[in-house]
Each structure stands twice: as structure tokens, then as C-alpha cells.
Amino acid sequence: MPEQSNAELPPLPYDYDALEPHISEQVLEWHHDTHHQGYVNGLNSAEETLAENRESGDYSSTAGALGNVTHNGCGHYLHTLFWDNMDPNGGGEPEGELADRIEEDFGSYEGWKGEFEAAASAAGGWALLVYDPVAKQLRNVKVDKHDQGALWGSHPILALDVWEHSYYYDYGPDRGDFIDNFFEVVDWDEVADQYENVAPRFE
């Protein structure tokens, strides 16, 4: 049987209390250590099932395992990006090439932000800023759960988790307040790095 690679929970790039008062220490601890770990475990379990099924030739549980790979895999990948996209010294607005590209593709930073906030308000999972290599432009994407509504081939560069476990402890049902506070901790330098690692390969 081929050796299976195991996904691992990455450490937070800052202390659990580093994003207060915008995101509490308790929420980060639960969200990272319990929820994100759950997606890592689910991905590894699904991969193990697929490997066992290929070895035995019994594919009766394969369809469910394939669904678990995409659900848990996307949950793992997007959470990893979400943590990296934030920083205690974040906030403000993008600068440089990313700022120019947002203005080119959305008309203005305000135009992009309004559309992103609308996606975050309506999504049943995530709001994403992605680079679309086919159209060669930035797009906002509204994703339900972790894997419903994604655009094939696109590369997320900014991720906002709007599942209730992200904000309900801190904000109750006021998702809009949570979205506003997210912008106080966005690490635009890291988002710019994500953009610059992707876009030049396709243009």
C-alpha cells in the first residue's frame, strides 16, 4: 500500500490572546485547537479509508470518503490561510501592487470591501478574495460550508471564516460587528505575499 501523507494542525502564528479585543483568546483556542483539529482528523481519516478501499477492492464507502476529503481538506486549507491572514498589528488598507490590482478589478478599495462584506454577510461558511487564473483577475467568492461555491482553479489569498463558531461567543448573532473587527487585524502584507506568489505565474 502506498504510504499516506498525514495532514497536521499548524501552530497559530501568534499567541491565543494576540488578536484581542477583536477575537478573544477563548474563541481562538476553541477554533484552532478543536474545530481546525477536527478537520485535520477528518481529512486523515478519509484518506486512510480511501487507501484501505483501494487495497481491498471494496469501494462501498469510497463515495462518502471522497466527500469527506473535500469537506475536511478545504476546512483545513482555508483555516490555515485564515490564521495567516491575521496579525495583531494588522488593519489599515492594502498598499503597492495588491492595492493597484484591487482598484483595477473592483474600481476601488471601497468597492472591493463592500462586495466582500456582502459575501461574508450571506455566506454559510467563508468569504474569500481569490485570484482567478483563467480570467486573470481578483474575485470575491461566497462559499457555503467549506467547498460549495468555490471557483475551479482559483487561488484564495484572503479568507474570512463566518461559521458561527468564529464569532458567536464574542459577538452573539451580530455577524456584521465581527466582520468589521476582522478588518482591524487583516495582515495586508501577508495577503500581498499570497497574491504575488500566484498572479505572476499566470500573467
N, C-alpha and C. Protein backbone atom coordinates (compact mmCIF):
# COMPACT_ATOMS: atom_id res chain seq x y z
N MET A 1 0.85 -1.19 0.00
CA MET A 1 0.00 0.00 0.00
C MET A 1 0.88 1.25 0.00
N PRO A 2 0.59 2.23 -0.87
CA PRO A 2 1.38 3.46 -0.86
C PRO A 2 1.28 4.15 0.50
N GLU A 3 2.39 4.77 0.91
CA GLU A 3 2.39 5.48 2.18
C GLU A 3 1.50 6.71 2.09
N GLN A 4 0.65 6.90 3.10
CA GLN A 4 -0.27 8.03 3.10
C GLN A 4 0.34 9.20 3.85
N SER A 5 0.23 10.39 3.25
CA SER A 5 0.70 11.60 3.94
C SER A 5 -0.37 12.02 4.93
N ASN A 6 0.05 12.41 6.12
CA ASN A 6 -0.88 12.83 7.16
C ASN A 6 -0.86 14.35 7.30
N ALA A 7 -2.03 14.95 7.24
CA ALA A 7 -2.14 16.38 7.48
C ALA A 7 -1.88 16.65 8.95
N GLU A 8 -1.33 17.81 9.26
CA GLU A 8 -1.04 18.20 10.63
C GLU A 8 -1.59 19.58 10.90
N LEU A 9 -2.01 19.80 12.13
CA LEU A 9 -2.51 21.12 12.55
C LEU A 9 -1.33 22.07 12.66
N PRO A 10 -1.31 23.16 11.89
CA PRO A 10 -0.21 24.11 12.03
C PRO A 10 -0.39 24.94 13.29
N PRO A 11 0.70 25.34 13.94
CA PRO A 11 0.55 26.23 15.11
C PRO A 11 0.05 27.59 14.68
N LEU A 12 -0.65 28.27 15.59
CA LEU A 12 -1.03 29.64 15.31
C LEU A 12 0.24 30.49 15.17
N PRO A 13 0.22 31.46 14.27
CA PRO A 13 1.41 32.31 14.11
C PRO A 13 1.52 33.42 15.15
N TYR A 14 0.71 33.37 16.21
CA TYR A 14 0.69 34.37 17.28
C TYR A 14 0.07 33.71 18.49
N ASP A 15 0.14 34.37 19.63
CA ASP A 15 -0.45 33.83 20.85
C ASP A 15 -1.98 33.84 20.77
N TYR A 16 -2.60 33.00 21.59
CA TYR A 16 -4.06 32.90 21.56
C TYR A 16 -4.75 34.22 21.89
N ASP A 17 -4.13 35.04 22.74
CA ASP A 17 -4.76 36.30 23.14
C ASP A 17 -4.31 37.49 22.29
N ALA A 18 -3.54 37.23 21.22
CA ALA A 18 -2.90 38.31 20.47
C ALA A 18 -3.88 39.16 19.68
N LEU A 19 -5.05 38.62 19.34
CA LEU A 19 -6.00 39.36 18.50
C LEU A 19 -7.09 40.04 19.31
N GLU A 20 -7.00 39.98 20.63
CA GLU A 20 -7.98 40.68 21.46
C GLU A 20 -7.81 42.19 21.28
N PRO A 21 -8.89 42.98 21.37
CA PRO A 21 -10.26 42.57 21.72
C PRO A 21 -11.10 42.12 20.52
N HIS A 22 -10.51 42.03 19.35
CA HIS A 22 -11.30 41.75 18.13
C HIS A 22 -11.73 40.29 18.08
N ILE A 23 -10.84 39.38 18.48
CA ILE A 23 -11.17 37.96 18.60
C ILE A 23 -10.57 37.49 19.92
N SER A 24 -11.40 36.91 20.75
CA SER A 24 -10.96 36.58 22.11
C SER A 24 -10.03 35.38 22.14
N GLU A 25 -9.26 35.29 23.23
CA GLU A 25 -8.39 34.15 23.46
C GLU A 25 -9.19 32.86 23.48
N GLN A 26 -10.37 32.88 24.12
CA GLN A 26 -11.18 31.66 24.20
C GLN A 26 -11.63 31.19 22.83
N VAL A 27 -12.06 32.11 21.97
CA VAL A 27 -12.50 31.73 20.64
C VAL A 27 -11.34 31.15 19.83
N LEU A 28 -10.18 31.80 19.89
CA LEU A 28 -9.04 31.28 19.13
C LEU A 28 -8.65 29.89 19.62
N GLU A 29 -8.68 29.68 20.92
CA GLU A 29 -8.32 28.37 21.45
C GLU A 29 -9.30 27.30 20.97
N TRP A 30 -10.59 27.57 21.11
CA TRP A 30 -11.59 26.60 20.64
C TRP A 30 -11.49 26.39 19.13
N HIS A 31 -11.40 27.51 18.42
CA HIS A 31 -11.47 27.47 16.96
C HIS A 31 -10.27 26.71 16.39
N HIS A 32 -9.08 27.04 16.88
CA HIS A 32 -7.87 26.39 16.37
C HIS A 32 -7.72 24.97 16.88
N ASP A 33 -7.78 24.81 18.21
CA ASP A 33 -7.43 23.52 18.81
C ASP A 33 -8.51 22.46 18.65
N THR A 34 -9.78 22.89 18.56
CA THR A 34 -10.87 21.93 18.45
C THR A 34 -11.42 21.84 17.03
N HIS A 35 -11.86 22.97 16.49
CA HIS A 35 -12.51 22.94 15.17
C HIS A 35 -11.49 22.62 14.06
N HIS A 36 -10.40 23.36 14.01
CA HIS A 36 -9.42 23.10 12.95
C HIS A 36 -8.84 21.70 13.10
N GLN A 37 -8.54 21.30 14.34
CA GLN A 37 -8.03 19.95 14.55
C GLN A 37 -9.01 18.90 14.04
N GLY A 38 -10.30 19.17 14.19
CA GLY A 38 -11.32 18.25 13.71
C GLY A 38 -11.26 18.05 12.21
N TYR A 39 -10.98 19.12 11.46
CA TYR A 39 -10.89 18.99 10.01
C TYR A 39 -9.62 18.23 9.62
N VAL A 40 -8.54 18.45 10.35
CA VAL A 40 -7.32 17.69 10.10
C VAL A 40 -7.57 16.20 10.34
N ASN A 41 -8.21 15.89 11.46
CA ASN A 41 -8.50 14.48 11.77
C ASN A 41 -9.43 13.87 10.72
N GLY A 42 -10.45 14.64 10.32
CA GLY A 42 -11.40 14.13 9.32
C GLY A 42 -10.74 13.87 7.98
N LEU A 43 -9.82 14.75 7.59
CA LEU A 43 -9.09 14.56 6.33
C LEU A 43 -8.23 13.31 6.40
N ASN A 44 -7.49 13.15 7.48
CA ASN A 44 -6.63 11.97 7.61
C ASN A 44 -7.44 10.68 7.63
N SER A 45 -8.57 10.69 8.33
CA SER A 45 -9.42 9.51 8.39
C SER A 45 -9.96 9.15 7.01
N ALA A 46 -10.39 10.17 6.26
CA ALA A 46 -10.92 9.91 4.91
C ALA A 46 -9.84 9.37 3.99
N GLU A 47 -8.63 9.93 4.08
CA GLU A 47 -7.53 9.44 3.26
C GLU A 47 -7.20 7.97 3.60
N GLU A 48 -7.26 7.65 4.88
CA GLU A 48 -7.00 6.27 5.30
C GLU A 48 -8.05 5.32 4.74
N THR A 49 -9.32 5.76 4.77
CA THR A 49 -10.39 4.93 4.22
C THR A 49 -10.19 4.69 2.73
N LEU A 50 -9.83 5.73 1.99
CA LEU A 50 -9.61 5.59 0.55
C LEU A 50 -8.48 4.61 0.28
N ALA A 51 -7.39 4.72 1.05
CA ALA A 51 -6.26 3.81 0.85
C ALA A 51 -6.65 2.37 1.15
N GLU A 52 -7.40 2.16 2.21
CA GLU A 52 -7.86 0.81 2.56
C GLU A 52 -8.77 0.25 1.48
N ASN A 53 -9.64 1.09 0.95
CA ASN A 53 -10.57 0.63 -0.09
C ASN A 53 -9.83 0.25 -1.37
N ARG A 54 -8.82 1.03 -1.72
CA ARG A 54 -8.04 0.69 -2.92
C ARG A 54 -7.31 -0.63 -2.72
N GLU A 55 -6.82 -0.84 -1.52
CA GLU A 55 -6.08 -2.07 -1.22
C GLU A 55 -7.00 -3.30 -1.25
N SER A 56 -8.21 -3.15 -0.69
CA SER A 56 -9.12 -4.30 -0.56
C SER A 56 -9.98 -4.51 -1.79
N GLY A 57 -10.14 -3.46 -2.60
CA GLY A 57 -11.05 -3.55 -3.73
C GLY A 57 -12.50 -3.38 -3.37
N ASP A 58 -12.78 -3.03 -2.12
CA ASP A 58 -14.15 -2.79 -1.65
C ASP A 58 -14.37 -1.28 -1.63
N TYR A 59 -15.19 -0.79 -2.56
CA TYR A 59 -15.38 0.66 -2.70
C TYR A 59 -16.73 1.12 -2.16
N SER A 60 -17.33 0.32 -1.29
CA SER A 60 -18.66 0.65 -0.80
C SER A 60 -18.69 1.93 0.03
N SER A 61 -17.59 2.30 0.68
CA SER A 61 -17.56 3.52 1.48
C SER A 61 -16.74 4.63 0.81
N THR A 62 -16.39 4.44 -0.45
CA THR A 62 -15.48 5.39 -1.11
C THR A 62 -16.15 6.73 -1.39
N ALA A 63 -17.40 6.70 -1.85
CA ALA A 63 -18.06 7.97 -2.19
C ALA A 63 -18.13 8.90 -0.98
N GLY A 64 -18.49 8.33 0.17
CA GLY A 64 -18.54 9.14 1.38
C GLY A 64 -17.18 9.67 1.78
N ALA A 65 -16.15 8.84 1.63
CA ALA A 65 -14.79 9.27 1.97
C ALA A 65 -14.31 10.37 1.04
N LEU A 66 -14.66 10.28 -0.24
CA LEU A 66 -14.28 11.35 -1.17
C LEU A 66 -14.91 12.69 -0.77
N GLY A 67 -16.18 12.64 -0.36
CA GLY A 67 -16.83 13.85 0.12
C GLY A 67 -16.16 14.39 1.37
N ASN A 68 -15.71 13.49 2.23
CA ASN A 68 -15.02 13.92 3.45
C ASN A 68 -13.66 14.53 3.16
N VAL A 69 -13.01 14.08 2.09
CA VAL A 69 -11.73 14.69 1.72
C VAL A 69 -11.94 16.15 1.33
N THR A 70 -12.92 16.41 0.48
CA THR A 70 -13.10 17.80 0.05
C THR A 70 -13.59 18.68 1.19
N HIS A 71 -14.54 18.18 1.98
CA HIS A 71 -15.07 18.99 3.09
C HIS A 71 -13.98 19.29 4.11
N ASN A 72 -13.32 18.26 4.59
CA ASN A 72 -12.31 18.44 5.62
C ASN A 72 -11.02 19.04 5.06
N GLY A 73 -10.67 18.67 3.84
CA GLY A 73 -9.47 19.25 3.24
C GLY A 73 -9.62 20.74 3.05
N CYS A 74 -10.76 21.18 2.50
CA CYS A 74 -10.99 22.61 2.33
C CYS A 74 -11.05 23.31 3.69
N GLY A 75 -11.67 22.66 4.67
CA GLY A 75 -11.70 23.24 6.01
C GLY A 75 -10.30 23.44 6.56
N HIS A 76 -9.44 22.46 6.38
CA HIS A 76 -8.05 22.55 6.83
C HIS A 76 -7.30 23.65 6.09
N TYR A 77 -7.38 23.65 4.77
CA TYR A 77 -6.61 24.61 3.98
C TYR A 77 -7.08 26.05 4.24
N LEU A 78 -8.40 26.26 4.30
CA LEU A 78 -8.90 27.62 4.48
C LEU A 78 -8.62 28.14 5.89
N HIS A 79 -8.72 27.26 6.89
CA HIS A 79 -8.38 27.71 8.24
C HIS A 79 -6.91 28.10 8.33
N THR A 80 -6.04 27.34 7.69
CA THR A 80 -4.62 27.68 7.71
C THR A 80 -4.39 29.06 7.11
N LEU A 81 -5.06 29.35 6.00
CA LEU A 81 -4.95 30.67 5.38
C LEU A 81 -5.54 31.74 6.28
N PHE A 82 -6.67 31.46 6.90
CA PHE A 82 -7.35 32.40 7.80
C PHE A 82 -6.41 32.84 8.93
N TRP A 83 -5.74 31.89 9.58
CA TRP A 83 -4.81 32.27 10.65
C TRP A 83 -3.68 33.14 10.10
N ASP A 84 -3.14 32.76 8.95
CA ASP A 84 -2.01 33.51 8.39
C ASP A 84 -2.42 34.90 7.93
N ASN A 85 -3.68 35.06 7.56
CA ASN A 85 -4.17 36.35 7.07
C ASN A 85 -4.34 37.39 8.16
N MET A 86 -4.18 37.01 9.43
CA MET A 86 -4.39 37.94 10.53
C MET A 86 -3.10 38.17 11.30
N ASP A 87 -3.03 39.33 11.96
CA ASP A 87 -1.85 39.69 12.73
C ASP A 87 -2.25 40.72 13.77
N PRO A 88 -1.67 40.67 14.97
CA PRO A 88 -2.01 41.67 16.00
C PRO A 88 -1.76 43.10 15.55
N ASN A 89 -0.83 43.30 14.63
CA ASN A 89 -0.52 44.64 14.13
C ASN A 89 -1.14 44.90 12.77
N GLY A 90 -2.19 44.15 12.44
CA GLY A 90 -2.83 44.30 11.15
C GLY A 90 -3.77 45.49 11.09
N GLY A 91 -4.60 45.49 10.07
CA GLY A 91 -5.54 46.60 9.87
C GLY A 91 -5.09 47.51 8.75
N GLY A 92 -5.78 48.61 8.60
CA GLY A 92 -5.46 49.54 7.53
C GLY A 92 -5.97 49.05 6.19
N GLU A 93 -5.25 49.42 5.15
CA GLU A 93 -5.63 49.05 3.79
C GLU A 93 -4.42 48.49 3.05
N PRO A 94 -4.64 47.72 1.98
CA PRO A 94 -3.52 47.21 1.20
C PRO A 94 -2.75 48.33 0.52
N GLU A 95 -1.49 48.05 0.20
CA GLU A 95 -0.65 49.01 -0.49
C GLU A 95 0.02 48.33 -1.67
N GLY A 96 0.70 49.09 -2.46
CA GLY A 96 1.53 48.55 -3.54
C GLY A 96 0.74 47.84 -4.63
N GLU A 97 1.33 46.76 -5.15
CA GLU A 97 0.73 46.07 -6.29
C GLU A 97 -0.65 45.52 -5.98
N LEU A 98 -0.84 45.01 -4.77
CA LEU A 98 -2.16 44.47 -4.43
C LEU A 98 -3.20 45.57 -4.42
N ALA A 99 -2.87 46.72 -3.86
CA ALA A 99 -3.82 47.84 -3.84
C ALA A 99 -4.17 48.26 -5.26
N ASP A 100 -3.16 48.32 -6.13
CA ASP A 100 -3.40 48.71 -7.52
C ASP A 100 -4.31 47.69 -8.21
N ARG A 101 -4.09 46.41 -7.92
CA ARG A 101 -4.88 45.38 -8.58
C ARG A 101 -6.33 45.40 -8.08
N ILE A 102 -6.51 45.62 -6.79
CA ILE A 102 -7.88 45.73 -6.26
C ILE A 102 -8.61 46.89 -6.92
N GLU A 103 -7.93 48.01 -7.08
CA GLU A 103 -8.57 49.16 -7.73
C GLU A 103 -8.89 48.85 -9.19
N GLU A 104 -7.98 48.15 -9.86
CA GLU A 104 -8.20 47.79 -11.26
C GLU A 104 -9.39 46.84 -11.42
N ASP A 105 -9.49 45.85 -10.55
CA ASP A 105 -10.50 44.80 -10.72
C ASP A 105 -11.84 45.13 -10.07
N PHE A 106 -11.85 46.02 -9.08
CA PHE A 106 -13.09 46.33 -8.37
C PHE A 106 -13.48 47.81 -8.44
N GLY A 107 -12.65 48.62 -9.06
CA GLY A 107 -12.95 50.04 -9.17
C GLY A 107 -12.35 50.87 -8.05
N SER A 108 -12.30 50.31 -6.86
CA SER A 108 -11.74 51.00 -5.70
C SER A 108 -11.64 50.01 -4.55
N TYR A 109 -10.88 50.36 -3.54
CA TYR A 109 -10.83 49.53 -2.33
C TYR A 109 -12.21 49.46 -1.70
N GLU A 110 -12.92 50.58 -1.67
CA GLU A 110 -14.26 50.60 -1.08
C GLU A 110 -15.21 49.69 -1.86
N GLY A 111 -15.06 49.66 -3.18
CA GLY A 111 -15.89 48.77 -3.99
C GLY A 111 -15.62 47.32 -3.69
N TRP A 112 -14.32 46.98 -3.53
CA TRP A 112 -13.98 45.61 -3.17
C TRP A 112 -14.52 45.26 -1.78
N LYS A 113 -14.29 46.16 -0.81
CA LYS A 113 -14.66 45.86 0.56
C LYS A 113 -16.17 45.70 0.71
N GLY A 114 -16.94 46.55 0.06
CA GLY A 114 -18.40 46.43 0.13
C GLY A 114 -18.88 45.10 -0.41
N GLU A 115 -18.29 44.67 -1.52
CA GLU A 115 -18.68 43.38 -2.11
C GLU A 115 -18.24 42.22 -1.22
N PHE A 116 -17.03 42.30 -0.64
CA PHE A 116 -16.54 41.25 0.24
C PHE A 116 -17.41 41.14 1.48
N GLU A 117 -17.80 42.27 2.05
CA GLU A 117 -18.66 42.26 3.23
C GLU A 117 -20.02 41.67 2.91
N ALA A 118 -20.53 41.92 1.70
CA ALA A 118 -21.80 41.32 1.30
C ALA A 118 -21.67 39.81 1.20
N ALA A 119 -20.55 39.33 0.67
CA ALA A 119 -20.30 37.89 0.60
C ALA A 119 -20.23 37.29 2.00
N ALA A 120 -19.52 37.98 2.90
CA ALA A 120 -19.36 37.48 4.26
C ALA A 120 -20.69 37.47 5.01
N SER A 121 -21.53 38.43 4.74
CA SER A 121 -22.83 38.51 5.42
C SER A 121 -23.77 37.40 4.98
N ALA A 122 -23.63 36.95 3.73
CA ALA A 122 -24.57 35.97 3.17
C ALA A 122 -24.04 34.54 3.18
N ALA A 123 -22.73 34.37 3.33
CA ALA A 123 -22.13 33.04 3.19
C ALA A 123 -22.51 32.13 4.33
N GLY A 124 -22.59 30.84 4.03
CA GLY A 124 -22.78 29.84 5.06
C GLY A 124 -21.47 29.14 5.38
N GLY A 125 -20.37 29.88 5.29
CA GLY A 125 -19.07 29.29 5.56
C GLY A 125 -17.94 30.30 5.49
N TRP A 126 -17.65 30.78 4.28
CA TRP A 126 -16.48 31.63 4.07
C TRP A 126 -16.75 32.73 3.05
N ALA A 127 -16.07 33.86 3.25
CA ALA A 127 -15.90 34.86 2.19
C ALA A 127 -14.43 34.83 1.80
N LEU A 128 -14.16 34.76 0.51
CA LEU A 128 -12.79 34.65 0.02
C LEU A 128 -12.50 35.70 -1.03
N LEU A 129 -11.31 36.27 -0.97
CA LEU A 129 -10.75 37.01 -2.09
C LEU A 129 -9.81 36.05 -2.79
N VAL A 130 -10.06 35.80 -4.07
CA VAL A 130 -9.29 34.81 -4.81
C VAL A 130 -8.70 35.43 -6.06
N TYR A 131 -7.62 34.82 -6.54
CA TYR A 131 -7.10 35.16 -7.85
C TYR A 131 -7.58 34.10 -8.83
N ASP A 132 -8.27 34.54 -9.87
CA ASP A 132 -8.80 33.66 -10.91
C ASP A 132 -7.80 33.63 -12.06
N PRO A 133 -7.07 32.51 -12.26
CA PRO A 133 -6.03 32.48 -13.29
C PRO A 133 -6.58 32.36 -14.71
N VAL A 134 -7.85 32.01 -14.85
CA VAL A 134 -8.43 31.92 -16.19
C VAL A 134 -8.79 33.32 -16.69
N ALA A 135 -9.53 34.06 -15.87
CA ALA A 135 -9.88 35.43 -16.23
C ALA A 135 -8.75 36.40 -15.93
N LYS A 136 -7.75 35.94 -15.18
CA LYS A 136 -6.61 36.77 -14.78
C LYS A 136 -7.07 38.01 -14.03
N GLN A 137 -7.84 37.76 -12.96
CA GLN A 137 -8.32 38.87 -12.15
C GLN A 137 -8.64 38.39 -10.74
N LEU A 138 -8.77 39.35 -9.84
CA LEU A 138 -9.22 39.07 -8.49
C LEU A 138 -10.73 38.98 -8.47
N ARG A 139 -11.26 38.11 -7.63
CA ARG A 139 -12.70 37.97 -7.46
C ARG A 139 -13.02 37.75 -5.99
N ASN A 140 -14.20 38.17 -5.56
CA ASN A 140 -14.74 37.76 -4.28
C ASN A 140 -15.62 36.53 -4.51
N VAL A 141 -15.55 35.60 -3.58
CA VAL A 141 -16.30 34.35 -3.69
C VAL A 141 -17.02 34.07 -2.38
N LYS A 142 -18.28 33.70 -2.47
CA LYS A 142 -19.08 33.30 -1.31
C LYS A 142 -19.13 31.78 -1.28
N VAL A 143 -18.60 31.19 -0.22
CA VAL A 143 -18.51 29.74 -0.12
C VAL A 143 -19.37 29.25 1.04
N ASP A 144 -20.23 28.27 0.77
CA ASP A 144 -21.01 27.62 1.82
C ASP A 144 -20.27 26.38 2.29
N LYS A 145 -20.42 26.11 3.61
CA LYS A 145 -19.62 25.06 4.25
C LYS A 145 -18.16 25.37 3.94
N HIS A 146 -17.39 24.44 3.40
CA HIS A 146 -16.01 24.73 3.04
C HIS A 146 -15.75 24.59 1.55
N ASP A 147 -16.67 23.95 0.84
CA ASP A 147 -16.35 23.53 -0.52
C ASP A 147 -17.50 23.71 -1.50
N GLN A 148 -18.51 24.51 -1.13
CA GLN A 148 -19.65 24.71 -2.02
C GLN A 148 -19.67 26.17 -2.49
N GLY A 149 -19.44 26.37 -3.77
CA GLY A 149 -19.42 27.72 -4.32
C GLY A 149 -18.04 28.19 -4.72
N ALA A 150 -17.04 27.32 -4.57
CA ALA A 150 -15.69 27.68 -4.98
C ALA A 150 -15.61 27.75 -6.50
N LEU A 151 -14.64 28.51 -6.99
CA LEU A 151 -14.41 28.64 -8.43
C LEU A 151 -13.21 27.79 -8.79
N TRP A 152 -13.41 26.81 -9.67
CA TRP A 152 -12.32 25.89 -10.02
C TRP A 152 -11.10 26.66 -10.49
N GLY A 153 -9.95 26.26 -9.97
CA GLY A 153 -8.67 26.83 -10.39
C GLY A 153 -8.27 28.10 -9.67
N SER A 154 -9.20 28.72 -8.96
CA SER A 154 -8.88 29.98 -8.30
C SER A 154 -8.04 29.75 -7.05
N HIS A 155 -7.28 30.75 -6.67
CA HIS A 155 -6.35 30.66 -5.55
C HIS A 155 -6.78 31.65 -4.48
N PRO A 156 -7.27 31.18 -3.33
CA PRO A 156 -7.63 32.12 -2.25
C PRO A 156 -6.41 32.84 -1.72
N ILE A 157 -6.53 34.15 -1.53
CA ILE A 157 -5.44 34.92 -0.93
C ILE A 157 -5.88 35.59 0.37
N LEU A 158 -7.18 35.71 0.59
CA LEU A 158 -7.72 36.25 1.84
C LEU A 158 -8.96 35.45 2.20
N ALA A 159 -9.01 34.94 3.43
CA ALA A 159 -10.12 34.10 3.86
C ALA A 159 -10.71 34.63 5.15
N LEU A 160 -12.04 34.73 5.18
CA LEU A 160 -12.76 35.11 6.39
C LEU A 160 -13.76 34.01 6.72
N ASP A 161 -13.58 33.39 7.87
CA ASP A 161 -14.45 32.32 8.34
C ASP A 161 -15.67 32.95 9.02
N VAL A 162 -16.86 32.68 8.49
CA VAL A 162 -18.08 33.23 9.09
C VAL A 162 -19.00 32.12 9.60
N TRP A 163 -18.46 30.92 9.83
CA TRP A 163 -19.21 29.93 10.58
C TRP A 163 -19.47 30.51 11.98
N GLU A 164 -20.57 30.10 12.60
CA GLU A 164 -20.92 30.69 13.89
C GLU A 164 -19.86 30.47 14.95
N HIS A 165 -19.10 29.38 14.88
CA HIS A 165 -18.07 29.16 15.90
C HIS A 165 -16.97 30.21 15.83
N SER A 166 -16.91 30.98 14.73
CA SER A 166 -15.90 32.02 14.60
C SER A 166 -16.21 33.27 15.43
N TYR A 167 -17.49 33.50 15.72
CA TYR A 167 -17.84 34.79 16.29
C TYR A 167 -18.91 34.78 17.36
N TYR A 168 -19.68 33.70 17.49
CA TYR A 168 -20.87 33.78 18.34
C TYR A 168 -20.52 34.02 19.81
N TYR A 169 -19.44 33.44 20.29
CA TYR A 169 -19.04 33.63 21.69
C TYR A 169 -18.71 35.10 21.96
N ASP A 170 -18.09 35.76 20.99
CA ASP A 170 -17.68 37.16 21.16
C ASP A 170 -18.77 38.16 20.80
N TYR A 171 -19.55 37.87 19.78
CA TYR A 171 -20.45 38.87 19.22
C TYR A 171 -21.92 38.45 19.22
N GLY A 172 -22.23 37.27 19.68
CA GLY A 172 -23.60 36.80 19.59
C GLY A 172 -24.01 36.72 18.13
N PRO A 173 -25.26 37.07 17.82
CA PRO A 173 -25.72 36.95 16.43
C PRO A 173 -25.26 38.09 15.53
N ASP A 174 -24.46 39.04 16.04
CA ASP A 174 -24.07 40.22 15.26
C ASP A 174 -22.86 39.90 14.38
N ARG A 175 -23.10 39.17 13.30
CA ARG A 175 -22.01 38.82 12.39
C ARG A 175 -21.37 40.07 11.79
N GLY A 176 -22.16 41.09 11.53
CA GLY A 176 -21.62 42.31 10.93
C GLY A 176 -20.55 42.95 11.79
N ASP A 177 -20.73 42.95 13.11
CA ASP A 177 -19.74 43.51 14.02
C ASP A 177 -18.44 42.70 13.95
N PHE A 178 -18.58 41.38 13.87
CA PHE A 178 -17.40 40.52 13.72
C PHE A 178 -16.67 40.82 12.42
N ILE A 179 -17.40 40.98 11.32
CA ILE A 179 -16.78 41.29 10.03
C ILE A 179 -16.02 42.61 10.12
N ASP A 180 -16.64 43.63 10.75
CA ASP A 180 -15.95 44.91 10.91
C ASP A 180 -14.64 44.75 11.68
N ASN A 181 -14.67 43.95 12.73
CA ASN A 181 -13.49 43.76 13.56
C ASN A 181 -12.42 42.94 12.86
N PHE A 182 -12.82 42.06 11.97
CA PHE A 182 -11.84 41.29 11.20
C PHE A 182 -10.89 42.23 10.45
N PHE A 183 -11.43 43.30 9.91
CA PHE A 183 -10.60 44.22 9.15
C PHE A 183 -9.58 44.96 10.02
N GLU A 184 -9.76 44.92 11.33
CA GLU A 184 -8.80 45.54 12.24
C GLU A 184 -7.56 44.67 12.43
N VAL A 185 -7.62 43.41 12.01
CA VAL A 185 -6.48 42.50 12.22
C VAL A 185 -5.98 41.87 10.91
N VAL A 186 -6.51 42.27 9.76
CA VAL A 186 -6.03 41.71 8.50
C VAL A 186 -4.56 42.11 8.29
N ASP A 187 -3.74 41.13 7.97
CA ASP A 187 -2.33 41.36 7.67
C ASP A 187 -2.19 41.54 6.16
N TRP A 188 -2.28 42.77 5.70
CA TRP A 188 -2.27 43.03 4.26
C TRP A 188 -0.94 42.67 3.61
N ASP A 189 0.15 42.73 4.38
CA ASP A 189 1.44 42.32 3.81
C ASP A 189 1.42 40.84 3.45
N GLU A 190 0.81 40.02 4.32
CA GLU A 190 0.73 38.59 4.05
C GLU A 190 -0.21 38.32 2.88
N VAL A 191 -1.33 39.04 2.81
CA VAL A 191 -2.24 38.88 1.68
C VAL A 191 -1.54 39.25 0.38
N ALA A 192 -0.75 40.33 0.43
CA ALA A 192 0.01 40.73 -0.76
C ALA A 192 1.01 39.65 -1.16
N ASP A 193 1.64 39.01 -0.18
CA ASP A 193 2.56 37.92 -0.49
C ASP A 193 1.82 36.77 -1.18
N GLN A 194 0.63 36.45 -0.68
CA GLN A 194 -0.17 35.39 -1.31
C GLN A 194 -0.46 35.75 -2.77
N TYR A 195 -0.85 36.99 -3.01
CA TYR A 195 -1.14 37.46 -4.38
C TYR A 195 0.09 37.38 -5.27
N GLU A 196 1.22 37.86 -4.75
CA GLU A 196 2.43 37.93 -5.56
C GLU A 196 3.04 36.56 -5.81
N ASN A 197 2.68 35.58 -5.00
CA ASN A 197 3.14 34.21 -5.23
C ASN A 197 2.34 33.50 -6.31
N VAL A 198 1.17 34.06 -6.64
CA VAL A 198 0.28 33.39 -7.59
C VAL A 198 0.18 34.11 -8.91
N ALA A 199 -0.19 35.37 -8.88
CA ALA A 199 -0.54 36.10 -10.11
C ALA A 199 0.55 36.09 -11.18
N PRO A 200 1.83 36.33 -10.84
CA PRO A 200 2.84 36.38 -11.91
C PRO A 200 2.98 35.08 -12.70
N ARG A 201 2.56 33.97 -12.13
CA ARG A 201 2.68 32.69 -12.85
C ARG A 201 1.70 32.58 -14.01
N PHE A 202 0.66 33.42 -14.00
CA PHE A 202 -0.40 33.29 -15.00
C PHE A 202 -0.51 34.52 -15.91
N GLU A 203 0.29 35.51 -15.67
CA GLU A 203 0.15 36.74 -16.48
C GLU A 203 1.42 37.05 -17.25
